[in-house]
Every structure is written in C-alpha cells, then in structure tokens.
Amino acid sequence: MIAGPSVDRHHWIPRKEGGRHWDWLHRLCHKKLHSLHDEKTLARDLPDARSARADPEIAKFIKWARKQPPEAMGRHAKPKRRRKR
C-alpha cells in the first residue's frame, strides 16, 4: 500500500485462521485494523485490501491517515479482547 520504512507484513487472513498470503501495509493502518477487529472478523469479513477499504470505520481512518506524514505512527486503543478488566 505505502512503501517505506513504516511498513509491516499483514496477513489478510490471519495465520491462526489458515492464511498464508500477506501484503506490506503501513504500520499505522496495520495497527488500526487490529484495534478495530479481532482475527476471526478479519478472516471472515476483511480478507483483502478491497474489503478493508469498504469497511466504514477503516474508510474514515484512511481519509484521516492520508493527511498524515508517511512516518506517522499514531496511537490506538488496545483491542477490547486485550484490555484488562
């Protein structure tokens, strides 16, 4: 998606769910995907970049992220499943 030093490998279908294919994804976007959705949801509903861009929350985030410098790292809330109660 965005080439440069701030990229991570992202498995569109998580390895836990049997996914093998991956793409480079900007670290900020990668963190956002995982903060919004658990792995089962990613595997079922967002198995590729096109479906991720169609997600309303991701689309809103992408609109904001395009205004940020490429090296931006941002902060996201931890996924609900990882928060201590």
PDB file of N, CA and C in Angstrom:
ATOM      1  N   MET A   1       0.826  -1.186   0.000  1.00  0.00           N
ATOM      2  CA  MET A   1       0.000   0.000   0.000  1.00  0.00           C
ATOM      3  C   MET A   1       0.872   1.251   0.000  1.00  0.00           C
ATOM      4  N   ILE A   2       1.607   1.486   1.070  1.00  0.00           N
ATOM      5  CA  ILE A   2       2.525   2.621   1.114  1.00  0.00           C
ATOM      6  C   ILE A   2       3.917   2.049   1.355  1.00  0.00           C
ATOM      7  N   ALA A   3       4.825   2.281   0.432  1.00  0.00           N
ATOM      8  CA  ALA A   3       6.183   1.775   0.596  1.00  0.00           C
ATOM      9  C   ALA A   3       6.956   2.693   1.535  1.00  0.00           C
ATOM     10  N   GLY A   4       7.946   2.162   2.208  1.00  0.00           N
ATOM     11  CA  GLY A   4       8.774   2.984   3.070  1.00  0.00           C
ATOM     12  C   GLY A   4       9.153   2.255   4.345  1.00  0.00           C
ATOM     13  N   PRO A   5       9.799   2.970   5.266  1.00  0.00           N
ATOM     14  CA  PRO A   5      10.301   2.331   6.476  1.00  0.00           C
ATOM     15  C   PRO A   5       9.216   1.977   7.490  1.00  0.00           C
ATOM     16  N   SER A   6       8.045   2.557   7.373  1.00  0.00           N
ATOM     17  CA  SER A   6       6.986   2.336   8.364  1.00  0.00           C
ATOM     18  C   SER A   6       5.967   1.316   7.875  1.00  0.00           C
ATOM     19  N   VAL A   7       6.437   0.159   7.452  1.00  0.00           N
ATOM     20  CA  VAL A   7       5.514  -0.857   6.954  1.00  0.00           C
ATOM     21  C   VAL A   7       5.699  -2.174   7.709  1.00  0.00           C
ATOM     22  N   ASP A   8       4.622  -2.935   7.783  1.00  0.00           N
ATOM     23  CA  ASP A   8       4.617  -4.258   8.404  1.00  0.00           C
ATOM     24  C   ASP A   8       4.027  -5.248   7.416  1.00  0.00           C
ATOM     25  N   ARG A   9       4.327  -6.516   7.639  1.00  0.00           N
ATOM     26  CA  ARG A   9       3.658  -7.572   6.871  1.00  0.00           C
ATOM     27  C   ARG A   9       2.303  -7.812   7.513  1.00  0.00           C
ATOM     28  N   HIS A  10       1.270  -7.845   6.699  1.00  0.00           N
ATOM     29  CA  HIS A  10      -0.074  -8.110   7.214  1.00  0.00           C
ATOM     30  C   HIS A  10      -0.655  -9.307   6.487  1.00  0.00           C
ATOM     31  N   HIS A  11      -1.048 -10.317   7.245  1.00  0.00           N
ATOM     32  CA  HIS A  11      -1.742 -11.474   6.674  1.00  0.00           C
ATOM     33  C   HIS A  11      -3.216 -11.114   6.611  1.00  0.00           C
ATOM     34  N   TRP A  12      -3.777 -11.044   5.427  1.00  0.00           N
ATOM     35  CA  TRP A  12      -5.180 -10.653   5.284  1.00  0.00           C
ATOM     36  C   TRP A  12      -6.085 -11.648   5.986  1.00  0.00           C
ATOM     37  N   ILE A  13      -5.782 -12.921   5.864  1.00  0.00           N
ATOM     38  CA  ILE A  13      -6.452 -13.925   6.678  1.00  0.00           C
ATOM     39  C   ILE A  13      -5.394 -14.358   7.694  1.00  0.00           C
ATOM     40  N   PRO A  14      -5.640 -14.115   8.981  1.00  0.00           N
ATOM     41  CA  PRO A  14      -4.621 -14.411   9.994  1.00  0.00           C
ATOM     42  C   PRO A  14      -4.105 -15.847   9.903  1.00  0.00           C
ATOM     43  N   ARG A  15      -2.848 -16.019  10.243  1.00  0.00           N
ATOM     44  CA  ARG A  15      -2.234 -17.346  10.176  1.00  0.00           C
ATOM     45  C   ARG A  15      -2.983 -18.350  11.046  1.00  0.00           C
ATOM     46  N   LYS A  16      -3.515 -17.888  12.167  1.00  0.00           N
ATOM     47  CA  LYS A  16      -4.314 -18.764  13.037  1.00  0.00           C
ATOM     48  C   LYS A  16      -5.512 -19.348  12.304  1.00  0.00           C
ATOM     49  N   GLU A  17      -6.017 -18.584  11.350  1.00  0.00           N
ATOM     50  CA  GLU A  17      -7.201 -18.987  10.594  1.00  0.00           C
ATOM     51  C   GLU A  17      -6.823 -19.658   9.265  1.00  0.00           C
ATOM     52  N   GLY A  18      -5.539 -19.978   9.097  1.00  0.00           N
ATOM     53  CA  GLY A  18      -5.096 -20.690   7.904  1.00  0.00           C
ATOM     54  C   GLY A  18      -4.595 -19.800   6.773  1.00  0.00           C
ATOM     55  N   GLY A  19      -4.455 -18.516   7.028  1.00  0.00           N
ATOM     56  CA  GLY A  19      -3.995 -17.597   5.991  1.00  0.00           C
ATOM     57  C   GLY A  19      -2.508 -17.702   5.727  1.00  0.00           C
ATOM     58  N   ARG A  20      -2.137 -17.573   4.480  1.00  0.00           N
ATOM     59  CA  ARG A  20      -0.730 -17.609   4.095  1.00  0.00           C
ATOM     60  C   ARG A  20      -0.327 -16.357   3.322  1.00  0.00           C
ATOM     61  N   HIS A  21      -1.266 -15.724   2.647  1.00  0.00           N
ATOM     62  CA  HIS A  21      -0.950 -14.573   1.805  1.00  0.00           C
ATOM     63  C   HIS A  21      -0.858 -13.308   2.642  1.00  0.00           C
ATOM     64  N   TRP A  22       0.105 -12.471   2.298  1.00  0.00           N
ATOM     65  CA  TRP A  22       0.295 -11.231   3.022  1.00  0.00           C
ATOM     66  C   TRP A  22       0.686 -10.126   2.059  1.00  0.00           C
ATOM     67  N   ASP A  23       0.566  -8.905   2.529  1.00  0.00           N
ATOM     68  CA  ASP A  23       0.999  -7.710   1.803  1.00  0.00           C
ATOM     69  C   ASP A  23       1.700  -6.791   2.785  1.00  0.00           C
ATOM     70  N   TRP A  24       2.455  -5.859   2.238  1.00  0.00           N
ATOM     71  CA  TRP A  24       3.028  -4.809   3.064  1.00  0.00           C
ATOM     72  C   TRP A  24       1.924  -3.804   3.348  1.00  0.00           C
ATOM     73  N   LEU A  25       1.833  -3.382   4.578  1.00  0.00           N
ATOM     74  CA  LEU A  25       0.801  -2.444   4.997  1.00  0.00           C
ATOM     75  C   LEU A  25       1.448  -1.427   5.922  1.00  0.00           C
ATOM     76  N   HIS A  26       1.102  -0.163   5.754  1.00  0.00           N
ATOM     77  CA  HIS A  26       1.646   0.873   6.623  1.00  0.00           C
ATOM     78  C   HIS A  26       1.328   0.518   8.068  1.00  0.00           C
ATOM     79  N   ARG A  27       2.307   0.685   8.931  1.00  0.00           N
ATOM     80  CA  ARG A  27       2.173   0.279  10.331  1.00  0.00           C
ATOM     81  C   ARG A  27       0.969   0.926  11.010  1.00  0.00           C
ATOM     82  N   LEU A  28       0.700   2.170  10.698  1.00  0.00           N
ATOM     83  CA  LEU A  28      -0.440   2.881  11.276  1.00  0.00           C
ATOM     84  C   LEU A  28      -1.753   2.195  10.887  1.00  0.00           C
ATOM     85  N   CYS A  29      -1.876   1.825   9.622  1.00  0.00           N
ATOM     86  CA  CYS A  29      -3.086   1.141   9.139  1.00  0.00           C
ATOM     87  C   CYS A  29      -3.175  -0.273   9.712  1.00  0.00           C
ATOM     88  N   HIS A  30      -2.038  -0.936   9.808  1.00  0.00           N
ATOM     89  CA  HIS A  30      -1.999  -2.287  10.358  1.00  0.00           C
ATOM     90  C   HIS A  30      -2.492  -2.284  11.806  1.00  0.00           C
ATOM     91  N   LYS A  31      -2.001  -1.340  12.594  1.00  0.00           N
ATOM     92  CA  LYS A  31      -2.440  -1.240  13.986  1.00  0.00           C
ATOM     93  C   LYS A  31      -3.932  -0.948  14.074  1.00  0.00           C
ATOM     94  N   LYS A  32      -4.414  -0.082  13.201  1.00  0.00           N
ATOM     95  CA  LYS A  32      -5.831   0.277  13.229  1.00  0.00           C
ATOM     96  C   LYS A  32      -6.708  -0.929  12.905  1.00  0.00           C
ATOM     97  N   LEU A  33      -6.340  -1.693  11.891  1.00  0.00           N
ATOM     98  CA  LEU A  33      -7.112  -2.893  11.549  1.00  0.00           C
ATOM     99  C   LEU A  33      -7.261  -3.814  12.756  1.00  0.00           C
ATOM    100  N   HIS A  34      -6.146  -4.053  13.443  1.00  0.00           N
ATOM    101  CA  HIS A  34      -6.173  -4.975  14.571  1.00  0.00           C
ATOM    102  C   HIS A  34      -6.800  -4.365  15.817  1.00  0.00           C
ATOM    103  N   SER A  35      -6.845  -3.046  15.919  1.00  0.00           N
ATOM    104  CA  SER A  35      -7.514  -2.440  17.071  1.00  0.00           C
ATOM    105  C   SER A  35      -9.027  -2.445  16.892  1.00  0.00           C
ATOM    106  N   LEU A  36      -9.493  -2.474  15.646  1.00  0.00           N
ATOM    107  CA  LEU A  36     -10.934  -2.457  15.381  1.00  0.00           C
ATOM    108  C   LEU A  36     -11.558  -3.849  15.316  1.00  0.00           C
ATOM    109  N   HIS A  37     -10.810  -4.828  14.836  1.00  0.00           N
ATOM    110  CA  HIS A  37     -11.397  -6.142  14.562  1.00  0.00           C
ATOM    111  C   HIS A  37     -10.541  -7.268  15.129  1.00  0.00           C
ATOM    112  N   ASP A  38     -11.205  -8.309  15.621  1.00  0.00           N
ATOM    113  CA  ASP A  38     -10.463  -9.481  16.076  1.00  0.00           C
ATOM    114  C   ASP A  38     -10.089 -10.344  14.865  1.00  0.00           C
ATOM    115  N   GLU A  39      -9.295 -11.374  15.101  1.00  0.00           N
ATOM    116  CA  GLU A  39      -8.773 -12.170  13.986  1.00  0.00           C
ATOM    117  C   GLU A  39      -9.859 -12.920  13.223  1.00  0.00           C
ATOM    118  N   LYS A  40     -10.865 -13.405  13.922  1.00  0.00           N
ATOM    119  CA  LYS A  40     -11.949 -14.115  13.228  1.00  0.00           C
ATOM    120  C   LYS A  40     -12.711 -13.170  12.306  1.00  0.00           C
ATOM    121  N   THR A  41     -12.944 -11.942  12.754  1.00  0.00           N
ATOM    122  CA  THR A  41     -13.632 -10.952  11.924  1.00  0.00           C
ATOM    123  C   THR A  41     -12.778 -10.587  10.723  1.00  0.00           C
ATOM    124  N   LEU A  42     -11.477 -10.420  10.935  1.00  0.00           N
ATOM    125  CA  LEU A  42     -10.583 -10.115   9.813  1.00  0.00           C
ATOM    126  C   LEU A  42     -10.643 -11.231   8.774  1.00  0.00           C
ATOM    127  N   ALA A  43     -10.594 -12.475   9.225  1.00  0.00           N
ATOM    128  CA  ALA A  43     -10.618 -13.612   8.296  1.00  0.00           C
ATOM    129  C   ALA A  43     -11.946 -13.699   7.552  1.00  0.00           C
ATOM    130  N   ARG A  44     -13.046 -13.474   8.257  1.00  0.00           N
ATOM    131  CA  ARG A  44     -14.371 -13.651   7.673  1.00  0.00           C
ATOM    132  C   ARG A  44     -14.792 -12.460   6.811  1.00  0.00           C
ATOM    133  N   ASP A  45     -14.597 -11.233   7.322  1.00  0.00           N
ATOM    134  CA  ASP A  45     -15.167 -10.054   6.670  1.00  0.00           C
ATOM    135  C   ASP A  45     -14.169  -9.186   5.909  1.00  0.00           C
ATOM    136  N   LEU A  46     -12.885  -9.268   6.242  1.00  0.00           N
ATOM    137  CA  LEU A  46     -11.892  -8.383   5.624  1.00  0.00           C
ATOM    138  C   LEU A  46     -10.702  -9.181   5.092  1.00  0.00           C
ATOM    139  N   PRO A  47     -10.939 -10.124   4.169  1.00  0.00           N
ATOM    140  CA  PRO A  47      -9.861 -10.993   3.703  1.00  0.00           C
ATOM    141  C   PRO A  47      -8.932 -10.371   2.660  1.00  0.00           C
ATOM    142  N   ASP A  48      -9.173  -9.105   2.284  1.00  0.00           N
ATOM    143  CA  ASP A  48      -8.305  -8.449   1.303  1.00  0.00           C
ATOM    144  C   ASP A  48      -8.404  -6.931   1.468  1.00  0.00           C
ATOM    145  N   ALA A  49      -7.533  -6.224   0.754  1.00  0.00           N
ATOM    146  CA  ALA A  49      -7.480  -4.764   0.876  1.00  0.00           C
ATOM    147  C   ALA A  49      -8.782  -4.103   0.436  1.00  0.00           C
ATOM    148  N   ARG A  50      -9.396  -4.616  -0.603  1.00  0.00           N
ATOM    149  CA  ARG A  50     -10.637  -4.020  -1.115  1.00  0.00           C
ATOM    150  C   ARG A  50     -11.736  -4.055  -0.054  1.00  0.00           C
ATOM    151  N   SER A  51     -11.907  -5.187   0.588  1.00  0.00           N
ATOM    152  CA  SER A  51     -12.953  -5.288   1.613  1.00  0.00           C
ATOM    153  C   SER A  51     -12.604  -4.441   2.836  1.00  0.00           C
ATOM    154  N   ALA A  52     -11.317  -4.324   3.158  1.00  0.00           N
ATOM    155  CA  ALA A  52     -10.920  -3.469   4.282  1.00  0.00           C
ATOM    156  C   ALA A  52     -11.248  -2.007   3.983  1.00  0.00           C
ATOM    157  N   ARG A  53     -10.968  -1.566   2.761  1.00  0.00           N
ATOM    158  CA  ARG A  53     -11.275  -0.176   2.394  1.00  0.00           C
ATOM    159  C   ARG A  53     -12.774   0.100   2.397  1.00  0.00           C
ATOM    160  N   ALA A  54     -13.587  -0.923   2.180  1.00  0.00           N
ATOM    161  CA  ALA A  54     -15.043  -0.758   2.152  1.00  0.00           C
ATOM    162  C   ALA A  54     -15.642  -0.674   3.556  1.00  0.00           C
ATOM    163  N   ASP A  55     -14.909  -1.117   4.564  1.00  0.00           N
ATOM    164  CA  ASP A  55     -15.390  -1.041   5.943  1.00  0.00           C
ATOM    165  C   ASP A  55     -15.514   0.435   6.337  1.00  0.00           C
ATOM    166  N   PRO A  56     -16.676   0.883   6.848  1.00  0.00           N
ATOM    167  CA  PRO A  56     -16.884   2.309   7.142  1.00  0.00           C
ATOM    168  C   PRO A  56     -15.868   2.901   8.118  1.00  0.00           C
ATOM    169  N   GLU A  57     -15.512   2.164   9.168  1.00  0.00           N
ATOM    170  CA  GLU A  57     -14.547   2.685  10.139  1.00  0.00           C
ATOM    171  C   GLU A  57     -13.159   2.806   9.521  1.00  0.00           C
ATOM    172  N   ILE A  58     -12.775   1.834   8.723  1.00  0.00           N
ATOM    173  CA  ILE A  58     -11.468   1.867   8.062  1.00  0.00           C
ATOM    174  C   ILE A  58     -11.441   2.991   7.030  1.00  0.00           C
ATOM    175  N   ALA A  59     -12.525   3.151   6.272  1.00  0.00           N
ATOM    176  CA  ALA A  59     -12.587   4.213   5.259  1.00  0.00           C
ATOM    177  C   ALA A  59     -12.419   5.585   5.906  1.00  0.00           C
ATOM    178  N   LYS A  60     -13.070   5.791   7.033  1.00  0.00           N
ATOM    179  CA  LYS A  60     -12.940   7.064   7.759  1.00  0.00           C
ATOM    180  C   LYS A  60     -11.494   7.261   8.215  1.00  0.00           C
ATOM    181  N   PHE A  61     -10.881   6.183   8.721  1.00  0.00           N
ATOM    182  CA  PHE A  61      -9.498   6.251   9.169  1.00  0.00           C
ATOM    183  C   PHE A  61      -8.555   6.552   8.006  1.00  0.00           C
ATOM    184  N   ILE A  62      -8.765   5.910   6.864  1.00  0.00           N
ATOM    185  CA  ILE A  62      -7.906   6.133   5.697  1.00  0.00           C
ATOM    186  C   ILE A  62      -7.971   7.588   5.261  1.00  0.00           C
ATOM    187  N   LYS A  63      -9.165   8.161   5.292  1.00  0.00           N
ATOM    188  CA  LYS A  63      -9.320   9.571   4.930  1.00  0.00           C
ATOM    189  C   LYS A  63      -8.451  10.442   5.840  1.00  0.00           C
ATOM    190  N   TRP A  64      -8.450  10.139   7.136  1.00  0.00           N
ATOM    191  CA  TRP A  64      -7.621  10.885   8.085  1.00  0.00           C
ATOM    192  C   TRP A  64      -6.136  10.590   7.848  1.00  0.00           C
ATOM    193  N   ALA A  65      -5.788   9.312   7.660  1.00  0.00           N
ATOM    194  CA  ALA A  65      -4.390   8.898   7.543  1.00  0.00           C
ATOM    195  C   ALA A  65      -3.699   9.499   6.325  1.00  0.00           C
ATOM    196  N   ARG A  66      -4.437   9.732   5.261  1.00  0.00           N
ATOM    197  CA  ARG A  66      -3.834  10.312   4.053  1.00  0.00           C
ATOM    198  C   ARG A  66      -3.268  11.703   4.307  1.00  0.00           C
ATOM    199  N   LYS A  67      -3.752  12.369   5.333  1.00  0.00           N
ATOM    200  CA  LYS A  67      -3.285  13.719   5.660  1.00  0.00           C
ATOM    201  C   LYS A  67      -2.043  13.693   6.550  1.00  0.00           C
ATOM    202  N   GLN A  68      -1.660  12.511   7.028  1.00  0.00           N
ATOM    203  CA  GLN A  68      -0.526  12.378   7.939  1.00  0.00           C
ATOM    204  C   GLN A  68       0.762  12.121   7.157  1.00  0.00           C
ATOM    205  N   PRO A  69       1.911  12.478   7.744  1.00  0.00           N
ATOM    206  CA  PRO A  69       3.182  12.171   7.074  1.00  0.00           C
ATOM    207  C   PRO A  69       3.399  10.652   7.037  1.00  0.00           C
ATOM    208  N   PRO A  70       4.125  10.143   6.029  1.00  0.00           N
ATOM    209  CA  PRO A  70       4.318   8.694   5.879  1.00  0.00           C
ATOM    210  C   PRO A  70       4.936   8.022   7.108  1.00  0.00           C
ATOM    211  N   GLU A  71       5.745   8.757   7.866  1.00  0.00           N
ATOM    212  CA  GLU A  71       6.398   8.155   9.030  1.00  0.00           C
ATOM    213  C   GLU A  71       5.537   8.208  10.293  1.00  0.00           C
ATOM    214  N   ALA A  72       4.323   8.728  10.206  1.00  0.00           N
ATOM    215  CA  ALA A  72       3.429   8.834  11.365  1.00  0.00           C
ATOM    216  C   ALA A  72       3.159   7.457  11.953  1.00  0.00           C
ATOM    217  N   MET A  73       3.150   7.381  13.258  1.00  0.00           N
ATOM    218  CA  MET A  73       2.906   6.108  13.926  1.00  0.00           C
ATOM    219  C   MET A  73       1.576   6.093  14.670  1.00  0.00           C
ATOM    220  N   GLY A  74       1.113   7.226  15.168  1.00  0.00           N
ATOM    221  CA  GLY A  74      -0.190   7.305  15.822  1.00  0.00           C
ATOM    222  C   GLY A  74      -0.318   6.392  17.022  1.00  0.00           C
ATOM    223  N   ARG A  75      -1.441   6.523  17.697  1.00  0.00           N
ATOM    224  CA  ARG A  75      -1.742   5.679  18.852  1.00  0.00           C
ATOM    225  C   ARG A  75      -3.171   5.196  18.712  1.00  0.00           C
ATOM    226  N   HIS A  76      -3.401   3.980  19.087  1.00  0.00           N
ATOM    227  CA  HIS A  76      -4.739   3.394  19.020  1.00  0.00           C
ATOM    228  C   HIS A  76      -5.045   2.733  20.346  1.00  0.00           C
ATOM    229  N   ALA A  77      -6.315   2.671  20.667  1.00  0.00           N
ATOM    230  CA  ALA A  77      -6.732   1.929  21.850  1.00  0.00           C
ATOM    231  C   ALA A  77      -6.442   0.452  21.622  1.00  0.00           C
ATOM    232  N   LYS A  78      -6.113  -0.247  22.698  1.00  0.00           N
ATOM    233  CA  LYS A  78      -5.900  -1.683  22.575  1.00  0.00           C
ATOM    234  C   LYS A  78      -7.213  -2.337  22.182  1.00  0.00           C
ATOM    235  N   PRO A  79      -7.148  -3.420  21.440  1.00  0.00           N
ATOM    236  CA  PRO A  79      -8.382  -4.138  21.111  1.00  0.00           C
ATOM    237  C   PRO A  79      -9.111  -4.545  22.389  1.00  0.00           C
ATOM    238  N   LYS A  80     -10.415  -4.576  22.339  1.00  0.00           N
ATOM    239  CA  LYS A  80     -11.222  -4.901  23.519  1.00  0.00           C
ATOM    240  C   LYS A  80     -10.806  -6.225  24.140  1.00  0.00           C
ATOM    241  N   ARG A  81     -10.419  -7.179  23.311  1.00  0.00           N
ATOM    242  CA  ARG A  81     -10.060  -8.500  23.832  1.00  0.00           C
ATOM    243  C   ARG A  81      -8.759  -8.477  24.622  1.00  0.00           C
ATOM    244  N   ARG A  82      -7.954  -7.424  24.479  1.00  0.00           N
ATOM    245  CA  ARG A  82      -6.670  -7.353  25.183  1.00  0.00           C
ATOM    246  C   ARG A  82      -6.690  -6.397  26.370  1.00  0.00           C
ATOM    247  N   ARG A  83      -7.777  -5.687  26.577  1.00  0.00           N
ATOM    248  CA  ARG A  83      -7.859  -4.746  27.695  1.00  0.00           C
ATOM    249  C   ARG A  83      -8.038  -5.500  29.002  1.00  0.00           C
ATOM    250  N   LYS A  84      -7.363  -5.010  30.037  1.00  0.00           N
ATOM    251  CA  LYS A  84      -7.548  -5.611  31.362  1.00  0.00           C
ATOM    252  C   LYS A  84      -8.841  -5.082  31.948  1.00  0.00           C
ATOM    253  N   ARG A  85      -9.531  -5.927  32.639  1.00  0.00           N
ATOM    254  CA  ARG A  85     -10.817  -5.513  33.232  1.00  0.00           C
ATOM    255  C   ARG A  85     -10.679  -5.228  34.682  1.00  0.00           C
TER     256      ARG A  85
END
